[in-house]
Protein backbone atom coordinates (compact mmCIF):
# COMPACT_ATOMS: atom_id res chain seq x y z
CA MET A 1 81.62 41.58 -49.34
CA GLU A 2 80.24 41.63 -52.89
CA LEU A 3 77.69 39.43 -54.59
CA ARG A 4 80.16 38.37 -57.29
CA GLN A 5 82.56 37.14 -54.60
CA ILE A 6 79.80 34.93 -53.23
CA GLU A 7 78.96 33.63 -56.72
CA TYR A 8 82.64 32.90 -57.49
CA PHE A 9 83.13 31.17 -54.14
CA ILE A 10 80.07 28.91 -54.61
CA GLU A 11 81.12 27.87 -58.11
CA VAL A 12 84.69 27.03 -57.03
CA ALA A 13 83.35 25.13 -54.00
CA ARG A 14 81.01 23.07 -56.15
CA ARG A 15 83.65 22.17 -58.73
CA GLU A 16 86.65 21.96 -56.37
CA HIS A 17 88.76 23.24 -59.23
CA MET A 18 89.68 26.84 -60.05
CA THR A 19 90.14 26.32 -63.79
CA ARG A 20 86.79 24.52 -64.22
CA ALA A 21 85.05 27.23 -62.24
CA SER A 22 86.69 29.83 -64.47
CA GLU A 23 85.45 28.07 -67.59
CA SER A 24 81.95 27.72 -66.19
CA LEU A 25 81.72 31.38 -65.18
CA HIS A 26 83.52 32.67 -68.31
CA VAL A 27 85.75 34.73 -66.04
CA ALA A 28 89.55 34.79 -65.93
CA GLN A 29 90.99 32.45 -63.33
CA SER A 30 93.13 35.23 -61.90
CA ALA A 31 90.03 37.39 -61.35
CA ILE A 32 88.28 34.58 -59.48
CA SER A 33 91.36 33.88 -57.36
CA ARG A 34 91.71 37.57 -56.50
CA GLN A 35 88.05 37.92 -55.43
CA ILE A 36 88.22 34.81 -53.25
CA THR A 37 91.41 36.12 -51.61
CA LEU A 38 89.62 39.40 -50.85
CA LEU A 39 86.69 37.43 -49.42
CA GLU A 40 89.01 35.34 -47.21
CA ASN A 41 90.78 38.50 -46.01
CA GLU A 42 87.46 40.10 -45.09
CA LEU A 43 86.28 36.98 -43.25
CA GLY A 44 89.65 36.41 -41.60
CA VAL A 45 89.72 32.68 -42.39
CA ALA A 46 90.90 30.40 -45.19
CA LEU A 47 87.99 28.97 -47.18
CA PHE A 48 89.97 26.52 -49.32
CA THR A 49 92.95 24.24 -49.02
CA ARG A 50 94.84 22.76 -51.97
CA LYS A 51 94.98 19.01 -52.63
CA GLY A 52 97.05 18.31 -55.71
CA ARG A 53 95.46 20.06 -58.68
CA ASN A 54 92.13 20.27 -56.88
CA ILE A 55 91.08 22.42 -53.97
CA GLN A 56 88.84 21.51 -51.05
CA LEU A 57 86.77 23.48 -48.61
CA THR A 58 88.17 24.01 -45.14
CA PRO A 59 85.82 23.41 -42.18
CA MET A 60 85.08 27.15 -42.13
CA GLY A 61 84.59 27.05 -45.89
CA LYS A 62 81.92 24.35 -45.51
CA ILE A 63 80.06 26.48 -42.97
CA PHE A 64 80.28 29.54 -45.19
CA LEU A 65 79.11 27.58 -48.26
CA GLU A 66 75.95 26.42 -46.48
CA HIS A 67 74.96 29.99 -45.65
CA ALA A 68 76.20 31.46 -48.93
CA GLU A 69 74.05 29.08 -50.99
CA ARG A 70 71.03 29.86 -48.85
CA GLY A 71 71.68 33.59 -49.14
CA LEU A 72 72.15 33.46 -52.90
CA LEU A 73 68.94 31.46 -53.26
CA GLU A 74 67.06 34.08 -51.24
CA PHE A 75 68.52 36.84 -53.40
CA GLU A 76 67.45 35.06 -56.59
CA LYS A 77 63.98 34.50 -55.14
CA ALA A 78 63.74 38.19 -54.27
CA GLN A 79 64.60 39.12 -57.85
CA GLN A 80 61.99 36.68 -59.13
CA LYS A 81 59.30 37.98 -56.76
CA ILE A 82 59.92 41.56 -57.82
CA LYS A 83 59.56 40.56 -61.48
CA GLU A 84 56.39 38.65 -60.67
CA HIS A 85 54.89 41.57 -58.75
CA LEU A 86 55.57 43.76 -61.76
CA ASN A 87 53.96 41.11 -63.96
CA PRO A 88 52.14 38.20 -62.23
CA GLU A 89 51.90 36.38 -65.57
CA VAL A 90 55.66 35.77 -65.59
CA GLY A 91 57.42 33.46 -63.18
CA LEU A 92 58.88 30.09 -62.26
CA ILE A 93 56.99 27.74 -59.95
CA ARG A 94 59.06 25.02 -58.30
CA LEU A 95 56.62 22.19 -57.75
CA GLY A 96 57.13 19.07 -55.66
CA ILE A 97 55.44 15.71 -56.27
CA SER A 98 55.57 13.00 -53.64
CA THR A 99 56.96 9.59 -54.60
CA SER A 100 54.32 6.98 -55.51
CA LEU A 101 51.82 9.74 -56.28
CA SER A 102 50.55 8.79 -59.71
CA VAL A 103 48.32 11.67 -60.73
CA HIS A 104 47.27 11.11 -64.31
CA THR A 105 45.29 14.37 -64.12
CA LEU A 106 48.41 16.39 -63.22
CA PRO A 107 49.78 16.70 -66.79
CA ILE A 108 46.30 17.68 -67.99
CA MET A 109 46.00 20.33 -65.28
CA LEU A 110 49.49 21.70 -65.99
CA GLN A 111 48.70 21.84 -69.70
CA HIS A 112 45.49 23.79 -69.08
CA PHE A 113 47.30 26.18 -66.75
CA HIS A 114 50.06 26.73 -69.29
CA GLU A 115 47.51 27.49 -71.99
CA ASN A 116 46.06 30.23 -69.79
CA HIS A 117 49.42 31.46 -68.43
CA PRO A 118 52.05 30.65 -71.09
CA ASN A 119 54.83 32.71 -69.47
CA ILE A 120 54.80 30.86 -66.16
CA ASP A 121 57.18 27.89 -66.16
CA PHE A 122 57.56 24.90 -63.86
CA GLN A 123 60.47 23.09 -62.26
CA LEU A 124 59.47 19.69 -60.89
CA HIS A 125 60.97 17.82 -57.92
CA GLN A 126 60.06 14.38 -56.58
CA GLY A 127 60.57 12.82 -53.17
CA SER A 128 58.95 11.67 -49.95
CA VAL A 129 56.52 13.98 -48.17
CA PRO A 130 59.00 14.78 -45.30
CA TYR A 131 61.65 15.58 -47.94
CA LEU A 132 59.28 17.92 -49.82
CA ILE A 133 58.34 19.66 -46.58
CA ARG A 134 62.05 20.25 -45.90
CA LEU A 135 62.45 21.73 -49.39
CA ILE A 136 59.54 24.08 -48.73
CA ASP A 137 61.13 25.04 -45.37
CA GLN A 138 64.40 25.78 -47.14
CA GLY A 139 62.69 27.75 -49.90
CA ALA A 140 63.93 25.30 -52.54
CA ILE A 141 60.38 24.57 -53.78
CA ASP A 142 57.19 26.60 -53.59
CA LEU A 143 54.31 24.09 -53.51
CA ALA A 144 53.94 20.31 -53.48
CA PHE A 145 51.39 17.67 -54.41
CA ALA A 146 51.46 15.09 -51.65
CA SER A 147 49.95 11.93 -50.28
CA PRO A 148 49.57 11.40 -47.41
CA VAL A 149 48.49 14.97 -46.74
CA PRO A 150 50.26 16.25 -43.61
CA SER A 151 47.70 17.20 -40.99
CA ARG A 152 49.81 19.74 -39.17
CA GLY A 153 53.15 21.48 -39.34
CA ASP A 154 54.83 24.64 -38.09
CA SER A 155 55.96 25.77 -41.51
CA VAL A 156 53.44 24.29 -43.97
CA LYS A 157 49.70 24.13 -44.41
CA SER A 158 47.83 21.74 -46.64
CA SER A 159 44.46 21.18 -48.24
CA ILE A 160 42.91 18.00 -49.59
CA LEU A 161 42.18 18.08 -53.31
CA TYR A 162 40.51 14.67 -53.57
CA THR A 163 40.53 11.14 -52.22
CA GLU A 164 41.10 8.01 -54.29
CA ARG A 165 40.27 4.36 -53.60
CA MET A 166 42.76 1.54 -53.66
CA VAL A 167 41.85 -1.22 -56.11
CA LEU A 168 43.14 -4.77 -56.49
CA LEU A 169 45.34 -5.69 -59.45
CA LEU A 170 45.81 -9.33 -60.40
CA SER A 171 46.69 -11.40 -63.39
CA ALA A 172 43.79 -12.03 -65.76
CA ARG A 173 44.49 -15.75 -65.15
CA HIS A 174 43.95 -15.43 -61.41
CA PRO A 175 40.84 -17.27 -60.04
CA LEU A 176 39.52 -14.00 -58.57
CA ALA A 177 39.93 -12.04 -61.80
CA GLY A 178 36.28 -12.42 -62.77
CA HIS A 179 34.91 -11.27 -59.42
CA LYS A 180 33.19 -7.91 -59.12
CA SER A 181 34.60 -7.33 -55.62
CA VAL A 182 36.60 -9.14 -52.93
CA THR A 183 37.36 -8.65 -49.27
CA LEU A 184 40.92 -8.23 -48.06
CA SER A 185 40.58 -11.28 -45.78
CA GLN A 186 40.09 -13.42 -48.92
CA LEU A 187 43.63 -12.50 -49.94
CA LYS A 188 45.48 -13.56 -46.78
CA ASN A 189 47.25 -16.46 -48.56
CA GLU A 190 48.28 -14.39 -51.59
CA ARG A 191 51.73 -13.12 -52.55
CA PHE A 192 51.75 -9.31 -52.56
CA ILE A 193 53.69 -6.79 -54.60
CA THR A 194 53.83 -3.47 -52.77
CA PHE A 195 55.49 -0.09 -52.74
CA ARG A 196 58.70 0.04 -50.73
CA SER A 197 58.50 0.11 -46.97
CA LYS A 198 59.16 3.81 -46.37
CA LEU A 199 56.39 4.95 -48.70
CA SER A 200 53.00 5.75 -47.21
CA LEU A 201 51.17 3.34 -49.54
CA GLN A 202 52.77 0.31 -47.88
CA GLU A 203 51.86 1.64 -44.44
CA LEU A 204 48.28 2.09 -45.65
CA PHE A 205 48.29 -1.47 -47.00
CA ARG A 206 49.77 -3.01 -43.82
CA ASP A 207 47.27 -1.19 -41.62
CA ALA A 208 44.41 -2.60 -43.72
CA CYS A 209 45.85 -6.12 -43.48
CA ARG A 210 46.05 -5.82 -39.69
CA GLN A 211 42.39 -4.84 -39.67
CA ALA A 212 41.67 -7.95 -41.76
CA GLY A 213 43.58 -10.11 -39.25
CA PHE A 214 46.72 -11.21 -41.14
CA ASN A 215 50.29 -10.27 -41.97
CA PRO A 216 50.81 -10.03 -45.75
CA ASP A 217 53.38 -12.13 -47.63
CA ILE A 218 55.28 -9.38 -49.49
CA VAL A 219 57.45 -10.78 -52.29
CA PHE A 220 58.50 -7.52 -53.93
CA GLU A 221 58.81 -3.87 -52.88
CA GLY A 222 59.22 -1.10 -55.43
CA GLU A 223 58.24 2.44 -56.27
CA ASP A 224 57.71 2.32 -60.03
CA MET A 225 54.05 1.88 -60.98
CA ASP A 226 54.72 0.23 -64.33
CA THR A 227 57.15 -2.31 -62.83
CA ILE A 228 54.51 -3.36 -60.30
CA LYS A 229 51.90 -3.67 -63.05
CA GLY A 230 54.29 -5.78 -65.13
CA LEU A 231 54.99 -8.16 -62.25
CA VAL A 232 51.26 -8.56 -61.63
CA ALA A 233 50.74 -9.32 -65.32
CA ALA A 234 53.40 -12.02 -65.10
CA GLY A 235 51.56 -13.66 -62.20
CA PHE A 236 54.35 -12.92 -59.72
CA GLY A 237 51.84 -11.61 -57.19
CA ILE A 238 48.90 -9.29 -56.68
CA ALA A 239 48.92 -5.61 -55.75
CA LEU A 240 46.80 -2.82 -54.34
CA MET A 241 47.17 0.40 -56.27
CA PRO A 242 45.47 3.84 -56.29
CA GLU A 243 42.63 3.99 -58.81
CA ASN A 244 44.28 6.88 -60.67
CA ALA A 245 47.36 4.72 -61.24
CA VAL A 246 45.36 2.03 -63.04
CA ALA A 247 43.66 4.51 -65.33
CA TYR A 248 46.55 4.36 -67.80
CA ASN A 249 49.31 1.97 -68.99
CA LEU A 250 47.49 -1.05 -67.63
CA PRO A 251 48.70 -4.25 -69.36
CA PRO A 252 45.89 -6.10 -71.17
CA ASP A 253 46.45 -9.23 -69.09
CA VAL A 254 45.92 -7.42 -65.76
CA ALA A 255 42.45 -7.39 -64.19
CA THR A 256 41.17 -4.92 -61.63
CA VAL A 257 38.75 -5.84 -58.85
CA THR A 258 37.06 -3.58 -56.32
CA LEU A 259 38.15 -4.06 -52.72
CA ASP A 260 34.98 -4.29 -50.68
CA SER A 261 36.07 -4.68 -47.06
CA PRO A 262 37.82 -2.81 -45.72
CA LYS A 263 37.51 0.02 -48.22
CA ILE A 264 40.95 1.62 -48.48
CA SER A 265 41.45 5.15 -49.76
CA ARG A 266 44.01 7.88 -49.49
CA ALA A 267 43.87 11.66 -49.64
CA VAL A 268 45.83 13.70 -52.17
CA GLY A 269 46.48 17.34 -51.43
CA LEU A 270 48.56 20.44 -51.99
CA ILE A 271 51.15 21.62 -49.46
CA ARG A 272 51.75 25.35 -49.19
CA PRO A 273 54.24 27.32 -47.08
CA LYS A 274 52.76 28.79 -43.91
CA THR A 275 55.52 31.23 -43.03
CA ARG A 276 55.58 33.25 -46.24
CA GLU A 277 53.09 34.74 -48.66
CA LEU A 278 52.81 33.06 -52.04
CA ALA A 279 54.18 35.01 -54.99
CA PRO A 280 51.55 36.25 -57.47
CA SER A 281 52.27 33.48 -59.99
CA GLU A 282 52.06 30.89 -57.18
CA GLN A 283 48.75 32.36 -56.03
CA LEU A 284 47.41 32.07 -59.59
CA PHE A 285 48.50 28.45 -59.76
CA SER A 286 47.23 27.55 -56.29
CA LYS A 287 43.75 28.90 -57.06
CA PHE A 288 43.79 27.21 -60.47
CA VAL A 289 44.61 23.85 -58.83
CA ASP A 290 41.80 24.22 -56.28
CA ASP A 291 39.27 25.16 -58.97
CA PHE A 292 40.44 22.43 -61.36
CA TYR A 293 40.06 19.57 -58.90
CA ASP A 294 36.87 21.00 -57.45
CA ARG A 295 35.28 20.93 -60.93
CA LEU A 296 36.81 17.54 -61.78
CA TYR A 297 35.55 15.70 -58.73
CA ARG A 298 32.28 17.59 -58.36
CA PHE A 299 31.07 16.57 -61.79
CA GLY A 300 33.04 13.33 -62.08
CA GLN A 301 36.20 12.52 -64.02
């Protein structure tokens, strides 16, 4: 079994078309067909079945694809790690960012890192914290910024970079807009705009409302920060949002008010793999992140 056979097989499986795979790989179709036949003969099973002009994976082909993709990814990672060990200043860091995590300092931090390490590139992925943990488990990403910060896990470890308060957003025309602070119980009759139900921010919000003794009237659920701000500006409802999220792109007709009781905050942290050692470029970045946020929040933003 040769590496090129695996590469040809994966490309054909993804495209479900021999000619398109040939064009993508810049290899003659006959050469691809021959290598896949040799692979099938070695495995003793058919990997594809024809369906008109297209081809589809057989059940055994689907099983082999799952492991072949994982194996090829590990091979590529091994090549990358060797290059990085030869030169830690060169590499690709695959970085996850959890949904609803609005970190206005992240682009600044990445810019500063890139200025110091211009030959280390980034590939960014976004999703829920459980999804990012799965990607780390699979080796598809290396590190992830996350909130909530997972407290335990067999395959990942995490550290808290900082905590941020939740603040109240309301239309500048709202009667409470001029107040310095409010309690959550004062808002029990309000219409709320929140993040969608499976995001941790809504769970944080609902828990706080239960503490305040009421069930919130949620009129809109979303995950885009700017959409929520726009709806608040239009007077459609009020919202609780992390303080970092209101530090930029806040419409002029939206007011912010401190939430006094209960005080709601969330932790933001970095998830690292527990079962493998970080590559040199990842170690550089991980230490840079820790130092950056330590300085930022020790001396104030």
